[in-house]
Protein backbone atom coordinates (compact mmCIF):
# COMPACT_ATOMS: atom_id res chain seq x y z
CA MET A 1 41.79 42.34 -27.63
CA MET A 2 44.69 44.07 -29.37
CA GLU A 3 44.61 41.47 -32.20
CA PHE A 4 40.85 41.89 -32.59
CA THR A 5 41.26 45.68 -32.83
CA LYS A 6 43.92 45.26 -35.52
CA LYS A 7 41.61 43.06 -37.58
CA ILE A 8 38.76 45.57 -37.29
CA LEU A 9 41.10 48.36 -38.33
CA ALA A 10 42.38 46.34 -41.29
CA LEU A 11 38.83 45.63 -42.44
CA TYR A 12 37.95 49.31 -42.10
CA CYS A 13 40.99 50.29 -44.19
CA CYS A 14 39.98 47.78 -46.86
CA PHE A 15 36.50 49.29 -46.84
CA LEU A 16 37.90 52.79 -47.27
CA SER A 17 40.14 51.64 -50.14
CA PHE A 18 37.25 49.87 -51.84
CA ASN A 19 34.98 52.86 -51.35
CA ALA A 20 37.61 55.22 -52.77
CA LEU A 21 38.05 52.90 -55.76
CA ALA A 22 34.31 52.78 -56.33
CA GLN A 23 34.02 56.56 -56.13
CA ASN A 24 36.94 56.96 -58.51
CA LYS A 25 35.35 54.50 -60.94
CA ALA A 26 32.06 56.36 -60.75
CA LYS A 27 33.83 59.53 -61.84
CA LEU A 28 35.41 57.79 -64.82
CA ASN A 29 33.19 58.92 -67.70
CA ASP A 30 33.72 58.27 -71.41
CA ALA A 31 35.85 61.37 -71.81
CA ASP A 32 38.08 60.21 -68.93
CA ILE A 33 38.53 56.80 -70.55
CA LEU A 34 39.41 58.29 -73.92
CA SER A 35 41.92 60.56 -72.20
CA ILE A 36 43.57 57.57 -70.50
CA ILE A 37 43.75 55.72 -73.82
CA GLU A 38 45.25 58.78 -75.51
CA LYS A 39 48.01 59.03 -72.89
CA ASN A 40 48.98 55.38 -73.40
CA LYS A 41 49.18 55.32 -77.21
CA PRO A 42 52.67 54.36 -78.42
CA LEU A 43 52.14 56.21 -81.72
CA LYS A 44 51.38 59.35 -79.72
CA GLY A 45 54.56 59.18 -77.66
CA ALA A 46 53.72 56.84 -74.78
CA LEU A 47 56.69 54.83 -73.56
CA ILE A 48 56.77 51.34 -75.05
CA PRO A 49 57.58 48.88 -72.23
CA GLU A 50 60.94 47.12 -72.31
CA ASP A 51 59.18 43.77 -72.04
CA ILE A 52 56.62 44.44 -74.78
CA LYS A 53 57.62 41.36 -76.82
CA HIS A 54 56.63 39.19 -73.85
CA ARG A 55 53.18 40.80 -73.71
CA ILE A 56 52.10 40.56 -77.36
CA GLY A 57 51.81 37.62 -79.70
CA ALA A 58 49.60 35.89 -82.23
CA THR A 59 47.73 32.65 -82.85
CA HIS A 60 48.76 30.08 -85.42
CA VAL A 61 46.09 27.58 -86.47
CA GLY A 62 43.95 26.76 -89.48
CA GLY A 63 45.58 29.15 -91.93
CA LYS A 64 44.65 28.76 -95.59
CA TYR A 65 48.21 28.85 -96.96
CA PHE A 66 51.81 28.03 -96.10
CA HIS A 67 55.28 29.15 -97.19
CA THR A 68 57.70 26.27 -96.52
CA THR A 69 57.81 22.48 -96.67
CA GLU A 70 58.04 22.16 -92.89
CA PRO A 71 55.13 20.77 -90.85
CA PHE A 72 52.58 23.57 -90.67
CA LEU A 73 52.60 23.89 -86.88
CA VAL A 74 56.39 24.14 -86.84
CA GLU A 75 56.49 26.60 -89.75
CA GLY A 76 54.10 28.96 -88.02
CA ALA A 77 55.81 28.81 -84.64
CA LYS A 78 59.17 29.54 -86.24
CA LYS A 79 57.67 32.42 -88.20
CA LEU A 80 56.20 34.01 -85.07
CA ASP A 81 59.56 33.73 -83.36
CA SER A 82 61.37 35.31 -86.30
CA LEU A 83 58.89 38.22 -86.25
CA GLY A 84 59.99 39.03 -82.72
CA PHE A 85 56.97 37.97 -80.64
CA GLY A 86 57.44 36.43 -77.22
CA VAL A 87 53.92 34.96 -76.99
CA CYS A 88 52.76 32.06 -79.17
CA LYS A 89 49.20 30.74 -79.09
CA LEU A 90 48.50 27.29 -80.53
CA TRP A 91 45.55 24.94 -80.78
CA PHE A 92 46.20 21.88 -78.61
CA TYR A 93 43.46 19.36 -79.29
CA LYS A 94 43.41 15.64 -79.85
CA ASP A 95 42.33 16.29 -83.45
CA PRO A 96 45.04 18.53 -84.97
CA LYS A 97 43.01 19.35 -88.09
CA GLY A 98 44.23 22.95 -88.07
CA TYR A 99 47.76 21.80 -88.89
CA GLN A 100 47.51 19.60 -91.99
CA TYR A 101 49.95 21.09 -94.48
CA ASN A 102 53.17 19.12 -94.92
CA SER A 103 52.28 17.07 -91.87
CA ASN A 104 51.98 13.43 -90.91
CA TRP A 105 50.76 13.37 -87.32
CA ASN A 106 50.69 9.57 -87.07
CA LEU A 107 48.68 9.69 -83.84
CA PRO A 108 47.33 6.59 -82.07
CA ALA A 109 43.61 6.01 -81.71
CA GLU A 110 43.69 6.96 -78.04
CA PHE A 111 46.16 9.33 -76.38
CA SER A 112 46.35 11.89 -73.60
CA LEU A 113 47.13 15.60 -73.70
CA THR A 114 50.52 14.81 -72.17
CA GLN A 115 51.27 12.40 -75.00
CA LEU A 116 50.24 15.09 -77.46
CA ALA A 117 52.73 17.48 -75.83
CA GLU A 118 55.44 14.90 -76.52
CA HIS A 119 54.68 14.84 -80.26
CA PRO A 120 57.70 15.95 -82.34
CA TYR A 121 55.81 18.86 -83.92
CA TYR A 122 54.83 20.34 -80.56
CA GLN A 123 58.28 19.60 -79.18
CA GLN A 124 59.86 21.64 -81.97
CA ALA A 125 57.47 24.49 -81.25
CA PHE A 126 57.96 24.36 -77.48
CA ASN A 127 61.75 24.41 -77.91
CA LEU A 128 61.57 27.83 -79.57
CA PRO A 129 62.51 30.73 -77.27
CA PHE A 130 59.02 32.07 -76.55
CA SER A 131 58.39 33.23 -72.99
CA THR A 132 54.72 32.16 -73.09
CA PHE A 133 52.74 29.48 -74.89
CA ILE A 134 48.97 29.82 -74.72
CA LEU A 135 47.28 26.53 -75.54
CA SER A 136 43.61 26.43 -76.50
CA THR A 137 42.70 22.96 -75.31
CA LYS A 138 40.30 20.57 -73.61
CA GLY A 139 40.52 17.09 -72.17
CA SER A 140 38.14 14.18 -72.54
CA VAL A 141 34.82 15.90 -71.77
CA LYS A 142 32.55 15.78 -74.80
CA ASN A 143 29.75 18.11 -73.69
CA MET A 144 30.74 20.99 -71.41
CA ILE A 145 27.15 22.05 -70.75
CA ASN A 146 26.13 18.59 -69.53
CA VAL A 147 29.24 17.15 -67.92
CA LYS A 148 29.03 13.99 -65.84
CA GLU A 149 30.61 13.61 -62.40
CA GLU A 150 32.95 10.84 -63.54
CA GLU A 151 34.10 13.01 -66.45
CA LEU A 152 35.14 15.77 -64.05
CA LYS A 153 37.57 13.46 -62.27
CA ILE A 154 39.11 12.41 -65.59
CA GLU A 155 39.37 16.02 -66.74
CA GLU A 156 41.05 17.13 -63.52
CA GLN A 157 43.53 14.27 -63.76
CA GLU A 158 44.38 15.04 -67.38
CA TYR A 159 45.04 18.72 -66.66
CA TYR A 160 47.06 17.73 -63.60
CA GLU A 161 49.23 15.38 -65.62
CA LEU A 162 49.74 17.92 -68.41
CA ALA A 163 50.65 20.71 -66.00
CA LYS A 164 53.01 18.39 -64.11
CA TYR A 165 54.66 17.38 -67.38
CA PHE A 166 55.45 20.98 -68.36
CA LEU A 167 56.59 21.93 -64.85
CA LYS A 168 59.07 19.05 -64.81
CA LYS A 169 60.09 19.08 -68.47
CA TYR A 170 60.98 22.79 -68.47
CA LYS A 171 62.11 23.11 -64.84
CA ASP A 172 65.31 24.87 -65.90
CA ARG A 173 63.64 27.35 -68.26
CA SER A 174 61.70 30.52 -67.51
CA VAL A 175 58.68 29.79 -69.68
CA SER A 176 54.92 29.92 -69.05
CA PHE A 177 52.16 27.67 -70.37
CA VAL A 178 48.56 28.89 -70.22
CA PHE A 179 45.74 26.37 -70.72
CA GLN A 180 42.48 27.93 -71.89
CA ASN A 181 39.17 26.97 -73.45
CA TRP A 182 37.92 28.33 -76.75
CA GLU A 183 35.24 31.08 -76.66
CA GLY A 184 33.23 29.94 -73.66
CA ASP A 185 30.02 31.88 -74.24
CA TRP A 186 29.47 30.06 -77.53
CA ILE A 187 29.92 26.79 -75.65
CA LEU A 188 27.43 27.90 -73.01
CA ARG A 189 24.91 28.76 -75.71
CA GLY A 190 25.51 25.57 -77.66
CA GLY A 191 26.48 27.11 -81.00
CA VAL A 192 27.70 30.15 -82.91
CA SER A 193 24.91 30.78 -85.42
CA ALA A 194 22.53 33.73 -85.38
CA LYS A 195 19.83 31.34 -84.13
CA ILE A 196 21.72 31.01 -80.84
CA LYS A 197 21.32 34.67 -79.97
CA TRP A 198 20.43 35.22 -76.32
CA ASP A 199 18.70 38.12 -74.68
CA LYS A 200 17.02 38.61 -71.31
CA ASP A 201 13.71 37.30 -72.66
CA ASN A 202 15.09 34.47 -74.79
CA LEU A 203 16.98 32.02 -72.59
CA PRO A 204 17.02 28.20 -72.53
CA ALA A 205 14.98 26.43 -69.87
CA ASN A 206 18.09 24.54 -68.70
CA LEU A 207 20.22 27.66 -68.21
CA ASP A 208 21.02 26.81 -64.58
CA GLN A 209 22.20 23.32 -65.52
CA ARG A 210 24.41 24.68 -68.32
CA VAL A 211 25.97 27.26 -66.03
CA LYS A 212 26.60 24.78 -63.21
CA SER A 213 28.14 22.30 -65.64
CA MET A 214 30.61 24.88 -66.93
CA GLN A 215 31.42 26.01 -63.41
CA ASN A 216 32.25 22.41 -62.55
CA ILE A 217 34.43 21.79 -65.59
CA PHE A 218 36.48 24.94 -65.06
CA LYS A 219 36.91 24.10 -61.39
CA ALA A 220 38.15 20.63 -62.31
CA ARG A 221 40.71 22.04 -64.72
CA GLN A 222 41.91 24.64 -62.24
CA ASP A 223 42.11 22.00 -59.49
CA GLY A 224 44.30 19.87 -61.74
CA VAL A 225 46.69 22.75 -62.38
CA ASN A 226 46.70 23.69 -58.69
CA LYS A 227 47.57 20.15 -57.67
CA ALA A 228 50.50 19.97 -60.09
CA ARG A 229 51.85 23.32 -58.88
CA SER A 230 51.61 22.22 -55.25
CA GLU A 231 53.69 19.13 -55.99
CA ILE A 232 56.36 20.55 -58.30
CA LYS A 233 58.13 23.32 -56.43
CA ASN A 234 61.68 23.60 -57.80
CA THR A 235 60.92 24.74 -61.32
CA LYS A 236 61.36 27.92 -63.33
CA CYS A 237 58.44 26.95 -65.54
CA LYS A 238 54.96 28.27 -64.73
CA VAL A 239 51.61 26.79 -65.68
CA TYR A 240 48.30 28.67 -65.55
CA HIS A 241 44.64 28.02 -66.29
CA ALA A 242 42.43 30.63 -67.96
CA ILE A 243 38.72 30.84 -68.76
CA GLU A 244 38.00 32.46 -72.11
CA VAL A 245 34.81 34.51 -72.54
CA ASN A 246 33.50 36.19 -75.66
CA LYS A 247 30.17 37.95 -74.94
CA VAL A 248 31.27 40.60 -72.47
CA MET A 249 29.27 43.49 -73.93
CA GLU A 250 26.04 41.51 -73.64
CA ALA A 251 27.03 40.43 -70.12
CA MET A 252 27.38 44.09 -69.15
CA ASN A 253 23.83 44.60 -70.38
CA GLY A 254 22.41 41.84 -68.20
CA VAL A 255 22.43 38.84 -70.55
CA PRO A 256 23.52 35.66 -68.70
CA SER A 257 27.09 34.80 -69.64
CA LEU A 258 30.32 33.31 -68.38
CA ALA A 259 31.35 36.76 -67.14
CA THR A 260 28.36 37.06 -64.81
CA HIS A 261 27.34 33.45 -64.13
CA VAL A 262 30.68 31.59 -63.99
CA LEU A 263 33.59 33.93 -63.23
CA PRO A 264 32.27 35.17 -59.86
CA PHE A 265 31.80 31.58 -58.65
CA VAL A 266 34.92 29.75 -59.86
CA GLU A 267 38.51 30.58 -59.02
CA THR A 268 40.77 30.88 -62.05
CA ASP A 269 44.32 32.10 -62.63
CA MET A 270 43.34 34.31 -65.54
CA VAL A 271 40.48 35.32 -67.79
CA ALA A 272 40.96 35.48 -71.55
CA TRP A 273 38.65 37.56 -73.71
CA SER A 274 38.00 36.92 -77.36
CA ALA A 275 37.17 40.56 -77.77
CA TYR A 276 35.51 41.04 -81.16
CA ASP A 277 32.30 42.16 -79.47
CA ALA A 278 34.24 45.22 -78.27
CA THR A 279 36.60 45.92 -81.16
CA ALA A 280 34.53 45.23 -84.27
CA PRO A 281 32.15 48.16 -83.70
CA ASP A 282 34.58 50.44 -81.86
CA PRO A 283 38.06 51.42 -83.08
CA THR A 284 38.56 53.88 -80.20
CA GLY A 285 39.18 51.20 -77.56
CA MET A 286 36.54 52.55 -75.17
CA ARG A 287 34.41 49.38 -75.21
CA LEU A 288 37.56 47.32 -74.78
CA TYR A 289 38.59 49.41 -71.75
CA LYS A 290 35.17 49.02 -70.13
CA GLY A 291 35.07 45.28 -70.87
CA VAL A 292 38.48 44.56 -69.37
CA SER A 293 37.58 46.57 -66.27
CA PHE A 294 34.30 44.66 -65.97
CA LEU A 295 36.04 41.28 -66.23
CA LYS A 296 38.50 42.21 -63.51
CA GLU A 297 35.56 43.03 -61.24
CA GLN A 298 33.74 39.78 -62.04
CA MET A 299 36.55 37.24 -61.83
CA LYS A 300 37.66 35.35 -58.74
CA PRO A 301 41.47 35.03 -58.92
CA THR A 302 43.30 32.10 -57.36
CA ALA A 303 45.55 32.65 -54.37
CA TYR A 304 48.43 31.82 -56.71
CA MET A 305 47.70 34.98 -58.75
CA LYS A 306 46.51 37.18 -55.87
CA GLN A 307 44.95 39.78 -58.20
CA PRO A 308 42.56 39.78 -61.19
CA THR A 309 44.49 39.01 -64.38
CA VAL A 310 42.90 39.47 -67.80
CA PHE A 311 44.33 39.04 -71.28
CA LEU A 312 43.03 39.33 -74.83
CA GLY A 313 42.93 35.78 -76.12
CA GLU A 314 41.73 36.90 -79.55
CA ILE A 315 41.70 40.30 -81.17
CA GLY A 316 41.92 41.01 -84.88
CA ILE A 317 40.98 43.31 -87.73
CA PRO A 318 39.92 41.71 -91.07
CA GLU A 319 42.00 43.87 -93.38
CA MET A 320 40.27 42.77 -96.59
CA LEU A 321 36.82 43.59 -95.20
CA THR A 322 37.37 46.70 -93.13
CA LYS A 323 36.55 50.07 -94.63
CA ARG A 324 39.26 51.71 -92.53
CA LYS A 325 42.22 53.19 -94.35
CA PRO A 326 45.72 51.79 -93.58
CA GLN A 327 46.48 54.57 -91.09
CA GLU A 328 43.11 54.06 -89.44
CA VAL A 329 43.91 50.36 -88.97
CA LYS A 330 47.23 51.26 -87.34
CA ASP A 331 45.46 53.80 -85.14
CA SER A 332 42.95 51.14 -84.06
CA TRP A 333 45.77 48.82 -83.04
CA ASP A 334 47.38 51.70 -81.18
CA ASN A 335 44.14 52.30 -79.28
CA TYR A 336 43.81 48.63 -78.38
CA LEU A 337 47.41 48.34 -77.23
CA ALA A 338 46.97 51.57 -75.23
CA VAL A 339 44.08 49.94 -73.36
CA CYS A 340 46.28 46.95 -72.58
CA LEU A 341 49.06 49.18 -71.28
CA ALA A 342 46.69 51.35 -69.23
CA LEU A 343 44.95 48.39 -67.58
CA ASN A 344 47.99 46.12 -67.30
CA VAL A 345 46.46 43.46 -69.54
CA LYS A 346 48.84 40.51 -69.37
CA TYR A 347 48.82 39.51 -73.05
CA LEU A 348 47.44 40.79 -76.34
CA VAL A 349 47.11 37.88 -78.80
CA GLN A 350 46.41 38.93 -82.39
CA TRP A 351 44.25 36.72 -84.62
CA GLU A 352 46.25 35.52 -86.41
CA LEU A 353 49.56 34.69 -88.15
CA TYR A 354 48.07 33.35 -91.42
CA CYS A 355 44.42 34.13 -92.15
CA ASN A 356 42.05 31.23 -91.46
CA GLU A 357 38.78 32.81 -92.61
CA ASN A 358 37.46 32.61 -96.17
CA ALA A 359 36.04 35.55 -98.04
CA THR A 360 32.25 35.44 -98.19
CA ASP A 361 32.08 33.73 -101.60
CA LYS A 362 34.97 31.29 -101.06
CA LYS A 363 35.33 27.89 -99.41
CA ILE A 364 38.91 26.79 -98.85
CA MET A 365 39.53 24.07 -96.29
CA GLN A 366 42.81 22.41 -95.39
CA PRO A 367 44.46 20.57 -97.10
CA GLN A 368 43.33 22.96 -99.86
CA PHE A 369 45.18 26.28 -99.92
CA THR A 370 45.24 29.63 -101.70
CA ARG A 371 47.85 32.13 -102.84
CA ASN A 372 45.29 34.85 -103.49
CA GLU A 373 44.61 37.32 -100.68
CA ALA A 374 41.21 38.17 -102.19
CA ASP A 375 40.05 34.67 -101.18
CA LEU A 376 40.34 35.63 -97.49
CA LYS A 377 39.07 38.15 -94.93
CA GLY A 378 42.52 39.42 -94.05
CA LEU A 379 43.00 38.35 -90.42
CA TRP A 380 46.75 38.02 -90.82
CA LEU A 381 50.22 39.17 -89.96
CA ILE A 382 51.64 37.52 -93.09
CA LYS A 383 49.70 37.40 -96.36
CA PRO A 384 49.52 34.44 -98.78
CA ASP A 385 52.29 35.99 -100.93
CA GLY A 386 54.61 36.29 -97.92
CA THR A 387 54.36 40.07 -97.49
CA ILE A 388 53.31 41.60 -94.18
CA GLY A 389 49.87 43.00 -93.46
CA LEU A 390 48.90 46.22 -91.74
CA ALA A 391 48.83 44.64 -88.28
CA MET A 392 52.40 43.39 -88.66
CA THR A 393 53.50 46.80 -89.90
CA TYR A 394 52.23 48.23 -86.62
CA PHE A 395 53.59 45.49 -84.34
CA ASP A 396 56.97 45.57 -86.05
CA GLN A 397 57.25 49.25 -85.20
CA ILE A 398 56.33 48.51 -81.58
CA LEU A 399 58.68 45.54 -81.18
CA LYS A 400 61.67 47.37 -82.65
CA ASN A 401 61.21 50.31 -80.28
CA ALA A 402 60.86 48.51 -76.96
CA GLY A 403 61.86 50.80 -74.08
CA LYS A 404 61.57 53.89 -76.25
CA LYS A 405 59.14 56.63 -77.19
CA LEU A 406 58.25 57.03 -80.85
CA LYS A 407 57.94 60.80 -80.48
């Protein structure tokens, strides 16, 4: 009887906590959110965390230029390290077409993700002293919105083997590897063009099948990672699985999406957000704040994580296209970082080291390259001529003042 009473009391306390949280959230209007962001801005005197380098990073893939004769993947990883970032995001696919410059991959016709991890180029990158590697990857499944049962078993096994490899290979090193998909809402919709636009009255007839298929594939991947972690105990290395979403604003307005139709039904270690739908129209960070909060409510964290964990898998400002002045660009980054600090976002991953997107009237594809910044949109830390962009000017200031206040 005593034990039963304790359980009832515990449930009642949880209810009170949840109710208080809900009431507090209801009181959080736009002015409240902007006030929270303001208090967390490093440029306005907020304390920059000691561990900030381990919470911010950038992606390196598909850039339209290079600066050394080293293999492109290795060059970029080394450059990110030299810039002071602790987080490195790489593409990790069986077709490494985003890393062609000065490279001879010499890959066999058939190989596993684990074999790819053993490739000398990735080995050189992984040996750099980053604290976290985020790998955008997938296994053998060809069509994520129509996956077959036998494919799920293969996918789970491949993620299991890859996770086990990292856990054993780096057992004496405090390093994390995060496996994630690329922008999942585009995958759910079957394309990225304007023709694929969804709204409440324009949805495919096989929506339920698409959703269920993606639920199954993410579960298989998470199960593979879980199995590896359960087997390999004595290791300093950590491996996680994340689901990346990219249409959060539409999800909040009732359009079916990964946020509403997958996250609540599939356990995952983390959720990544490719957050252009929040940042492109809003430099204040308010949409970003609301989106991160929404994702934390929607996701179903694994027991390994215990609490909802969200990070920004992609976030960038095209410096050649934006009409914002240099100080306005820095202020935007300060707003976005303030959101991350206020909501304890695990990582902010800038897109990207070297710009990968052509200007509207240009078409440069690897192995072609450019030395002219006007050929590109300006999603960079380092420009084609080797100088730093506005984003790097901001992040450099943040990294060099870890544990301090700028004012």
